């Protein structure tokens, strides 16, 4: 039996660290068009804008961490 969900993961960000010492960032997002039929036009537009803006910020965080780790590796040699 399927349960109707009352929430959806719209945007997620993870930092993953494995035993070999590799650090990976992972951003996941939902295809917003799937949610469109469940939202009013105003809700959809607001959520779409928030996801777009948050994605830009998370891309900035990813780049910052990548640059930081690259600089750190270079100075340790």
C-alpha atoms as a PDB file:
ATOM      1  CA  UNK A   1       0.000   0.000   0.000  1.00  0.00           C
ATOM      2  CA  UNK A   2       1.362   3.382  -0.994  1.00  0.00           C
ATOM      3  CA  UNK A   3       1.382   6.134   1.570  1.00  0.00           C
ATOM      4  CA  UNK A   4       0.716   9.684   0.444  1.00  0.00           C
ATOM      5  CA  UNK A   5       3.641  11.864   1.432  1.00  0.00           C
ATOM      6  CA  UNK A   6       3.025  15.278   2.918  1.00  0.00           C
ATOM      7  CA  UNK A   7       6.509  16.540   2.174  1.00  0.00           C
ATOM      8  CA  UNK A   8       9.127  16.222  -0.536  1.00  0.00           C
ATOM      9  CA  UNK A   9      12.882  16.567  -0.488  1.00  0.00           C
ATOM     10  CA  UNK A  10      13.318  19.526  -2.793  1.00  0.00           C
ATOM     11  CA  UNK A  11      17.008  20.267  -2.282  1.00  0.00           C
ATOM     12  CA  UNK A  12      19.716  18.498  -0.322  1.00  0.00           C
ATOM     13  CA  UNK A  13      23.440  18.985   0.268  1.00  0.00           C
ATOM     14  CA  UNK A  14      25.838  16.455   1.768  1.00  0.00           C
ATOM     15  CA  UNK A  15      29.518  16.347   2.588  1.00  0.00           C
ATOM     16  CA  UNK A  16      30.767  12.778   2.360  1.00  0.00           C
ATOM     17  CA  UNK A  17      34.113  11.552   3.669  1.00  0.00           C
ATOM     18  CA  UNK A  18      35.366   8.054   2.914  1.00  0.00           C
ATOM     19  CA  UNK A  19      38.029   5.907   4.538  1.00  0.00           C
ATOM     20  CA  UNK A  20      40.559   6.731   1.834  1.00  0.00           C
ATOM     21  CA  UNK A  21      40.407  10.392   2.880  1.00  0.00           C
ATOM     22  CA  UNK A  22      38.342  11.578  -0.049  1.00  0.00           C
ATOM     23  CA  UNK A  23      35.894  14.418   0.644  1.00  0.00           C
ATOM     24  CA  UNK A  24      32.985  14.786  -1.742  1.00  0.00           C
ATOM     25  CA  UNK A  25      30.117  17.254  -1.789  1.00  0.00           C
ATOM     26  CA  UNK A  26      26.821  16.150  -3.237  1.00  0.00           C
ATOM     27  CA  UNK A  27      23.821  18.278  -4.126  1.00  0.00           C
ATOM     28  CA  UNK A  28      20.502  16.645  -4.934  1.00  0.00           C
ATOM     29  CA  UNK A  29      17.390  18.347  -6.202  1.00  0.00           C
ATOM     30  CA  UNK A  30      13.931  17.365  -7.278  1.00  0.00           C
ATOM     31  CA  UNK A  31      12.604  17.979 -10.757  1.00  0.00           C
ATOM     32  CA  UNK A  32      10.321  20.876  -9.884  1.00  0.00           C
ATOM     33  CA  UNK A  33       7.952  20.150 -12.766  1.00  0.00           C
ATOM     34  CA  UNK A  34       6.846  16.975 -10.947  1.00  0.00           C
ATOM     35  CA  UNK A  35       5.649  19.069  -7.996  1.00  0.00           C
ATOM     36  CA  UNK A  36       3.841  21.644 -10.127  1.00  0.00           C
ATOM     37  CA  UNK A  37       0.519  19.780 -10.136  1.00  0.00           C
ATOM     38  CA  UNK A  38       0.462  19.709  -6.310  1.00  0.00           C
ATOM     39  CA  UNK A  39       1.061  23.433  -5.771  1.00  0.00           C
ATOM     40  CA  UNK A  40      -0.729  26.659  -6.506  1.00  0.00           C
ATOM     41  CA  UNK A  41       0.904  28.850  -9.137  1.00  0.00           C
ATOM     42  CA  UNK A  42       2.157  31.201  -6.413  1.00  0.00           C
ATOM     43  CA  UNK A  43       3.562  28.344  -4.307  1.00  0.00           C
ATOM     44  CA  UNK A  44       5.275  26.811  -7.316  1.00  0.00           C
ATOM     45  CA  UNK A  45       6.857  30.085  -8.415  1.00  0.00           C
ATOM     46  CA  UNK A  46       8.048  30.843  -4.875  1.00  0.00           C
ATOM     47  CA  UNK A  47       9.504  27.365  -4.380  1.00  0.00           C
ATOM     48  CA  UNK A  48      11.122  27.382  -7.825  1.00  0.00           C
ATOM     49  CA  UNK A  49      12.796  30.726  -7.056  1.00  0.00           C
ATOM     50  CA  UNK A  50      13.986  29.583  -3.621  1.00  0.00           C
ATOM     51  CA  UNK A  51      15.450  26.380  -5.075  1.00  0.00           C
ATOM     52  CA  UNK A  52      17.193  28.318  -7.849  1.00  0.00           C
ATOM     53  CA  UNK A  53      18.707  30.824  -5.376  1.00  0.00           C
ATOM     54  CA  UNK A  54      19.707  28.099  -2.898  1.00  0.00           C
ATOM     55  CA  UNK A  55      21.352  26.122  -5.711  1.00  0.00           C
ATOM     56  CA  UNK A  56      23.473  29.159  -6.605  1.00  0.00           C
ATOM     57  CA  UNK A  57      24.568  29.523  -2.970  1.00  0.00           C
ATOM     58  CA  UNK A  58      25.323  25.808  -2.598  1.00  0.00           C
ATOM     59  CA  UNK A  59      27.384  25.903  -5.802  1.00  0.00           C
ATOM     60  CA  UNK A  60      29.349  28.729  -4.166  1.00  0.00           C
ATOM     61  CA  UNK A  61      29.894  26.626  -1.029  1.00  0.00           C
ATOM     62  CA  UNK A  62      31.057  23.720  -3.193  1.00  0.00           C
ATOM     63  CA  UNK A  63      33.553  25.925  -5.047  1.00  0.00           C
ATOM     64  CA  UNK A  64      34.811  27.447  -1.786  1.00  0.00           C
ATOM     65  CA  UNK A  65      35.445  24.014  -0.254  1.00  0.00           C
ATOM     66  CA  UNK A  66      37.064  22.743  -3.436  1.00  0.00           C
ATOM     67  CA  UNK A  67      39.411  25.764  -3.580  1.00  0.00           C
ATOM     68  CA  UNK A  68      40.214  25.424   0.122  1.00  0.00           C
ATOM     69  CA  UNK A  69      41.077  21.745  -0.178  1.00  0.00           C
ATOM     70  CA  UNK A  70      43.144  22.294  -3.326  1.00  0.00           C
ATOM     71  CA  UNK A  71      45.129  25.083  -1.641  1.00  0.00           C
ATOM     72  CA  UNK A  72      45.638  22.952   1.464  1.00  0.00           C
ATOM     73  CA  UNK A  73      46.969  20.007  -0.533  1.00  0.00           C
ATOM     74  CA  UNK A  74      49.384  22.262  -2.420  1.00  0.00           C
ATOM     75  CA  UNK A  75      50.832  23.781   0.768  1.00  0.00           C
ATOM     76  CA  UNK A  76      51.395  20.380   2.402  1.00  0.00           C
ATOM     77  CA  UNK A  77      53.881  19.169  -0.241  1.00  0.00           C
END
